[in-house]
Protein backbone atom coordinates (compact mmCIF):
# COMPACT_ATOMS: atom_id res chain seq x y z
CA MET A 1 289.59 37.86 33.20
CA LYS A 2 289.19 39.71 36.45
CA SER A 3 287.97 38.56 39.82
CA TYR A 4 285.93 39.78 42.75
CA PHE A 5 286.09 38.32 46.25
CA LEU A 6 283.79 38.22 49.27
CA ALA A 7 285.86 37.52 52.38
CA PRO A 8 286.15 36.39 55.07
CA ILE A 9 283.44 33.72 55.04
CA ALA A 10 283.04 31.75 58.28
CA SER A 11 281.18 28.73 56.94
CA ARG A 12 281.68 26.83 53.68
CA ASP A 13 278.23 25.25 54.08
CA ALA A 14 276.57 28.65 54.52
CA ALA A 15 278.38 30.00 51.45
CA ILE A 16 277.27 27.01 49.36
CA ALA A 17 273.67 27.43 50.51
CA ALA A 18 273.72 31.17 49.77
CA LEU A 19 275.21 30.67 46.30
CA THR A 20 272.70 27.94 45.50
CA ALA A 21 269.84 30.25 46.58
CA ALA A 22 271.21 33.24 44.63
CA LEU A 23 271.97 31.27 41.45
CA LEU A 24 269.05 28.86 41.38
CA GLY A 25 269.37 25.29 40.25
CA GLN A 26 273.15 25.24 40.29
CA SER A 27 275.97 23.79 42.33
CA GLU A 28 279.74 24.16 42.27
CA THR A 29 280.75 26.00 40.09
CA TRP A 30 277.86 28.49 40.01
CA LEU A 31 277.33 30.45 36.79
CA LEU A 32 275.92 33.93 36.32
CA LYS A 33 274.48 34.16 32.80
CA ASP A 34 273.25 37.04 30.69
CA ALA A 35 269.83 37.14 29.01
CA ALA A 36 271.17 35.17 26.02
CA GLY A 37 272.52 32.41 28.29
CA ASP A 38 276.18 33.34 27.88
CA VAL A 39 278.24 32.91 31.05
CA MET A 40 279.22 36.25 32.56
CA ALA A 41 280.94 34.98 35.71
CA TYR A 42 281.94 31.80 37.53
CA PHE A 43 281.42 31.68 41.32
CA TYR A 44 283.08 29.24 43.73
CA VAL A 45 284.13 28.92 47.36
CA ALA A 46 287.90 29.05 47.93
CA GLU A 47 289.45 27.62 51.07
CA PRO A 48 292.42 29.16 52.91
CA ASP A 49 295.77 28.07 51.50
CA ALA A 50 299.35 29.27 51.19
CA THR A 51 298.27 32.40 49.26
CA THR A 52 295.26 33.47 51.33
CA ALA A 53 294.33 33.22 54.98
CA ASP A 54 290.57 33.51 54.47
CA ARG A 55 287.79 31.32 53.10
CA MET A 56 286.06 33.36 50.39
CA VAL A 57 283.55 33.42 47.60
CA VAL A 58 285.34 34.14 44.31
CA ALA A 59 283.67 35.47 41.17
CA ASP A 60 285.76 35.25 38.00
CA ILE A 61 284.34 37.47 35.26
CA SER A 62 284.51 36.11 31.71
CA GLY A 63 286.65 38.09 29.31
CA ARG A 64 283.65 38.55 27.00
CA HIS A 65 281.84 40.29 29.88
CA TYR A 66 284.80 42.17 31.29
CA ASN A 67 282.77 45.34 31.91
CA CYS A 68 279.78 43.65 33.60
CA ASP A 69 281.04 44.35 37.10
CA ALA A 70 277.70 45.72 38.32
CA ASP A 71 275.93 42.40 37.68
CA VAL A 72 278.60 40.43 39.53
CA VAL A 73 278.79 42.87 42.44
CA ALA A 74 274.98 42.75 42.78
CA VAL A 75 275.18 38.97 43.40
CA LEU A 76 278.06 39.45 45.84
CA GLN A 77 276.07 42.13 47.71
CA LYS A 78 273.21 39.64 48.18
CA LEU A 79 275.70 37.09 49.50
CA LYS A 80 277.31 39.70 51.75
CA ALA A 81 273.94 40.47 53.36
CA GLU A 82 273.68 36.82 54.37
CA LEU A 83 277.32 35.84 54.97
CA GLY A 84 279.08 39.05 55.99
CA GLY A 85 282.56 39.85 54.76
CA GLU A 86 283.79 42.56 52.44
CA ILE A 87 283.77 42.77 48.65
CA ALA A 88 287.09 43.43 46.89
CA ASN A 89 288.54 42.93 43.43
CA ASP A 90 291.94 42.06 42.03
CA ALA A 91 292.55 45.51 40.53
């Protein structure tokens, strides 16, 4: 598994609304699926804690779709246009 992050996010409510609009008909945890319905990535809003100072949208890419970064980043770019922040990964 690998992860992408969109941070910092000012408002949890705005992030939830943006995720719900981008990934229609879903709520926490939001799923990005391929054409066959297989889950490519899991999206959620992470709050600041002992390991991170920022609220962020996290996208964990499924191991079966490890090389589908472009699809995940495309969703994060849509969210970035609405929420701000910067996109990074755990590499």
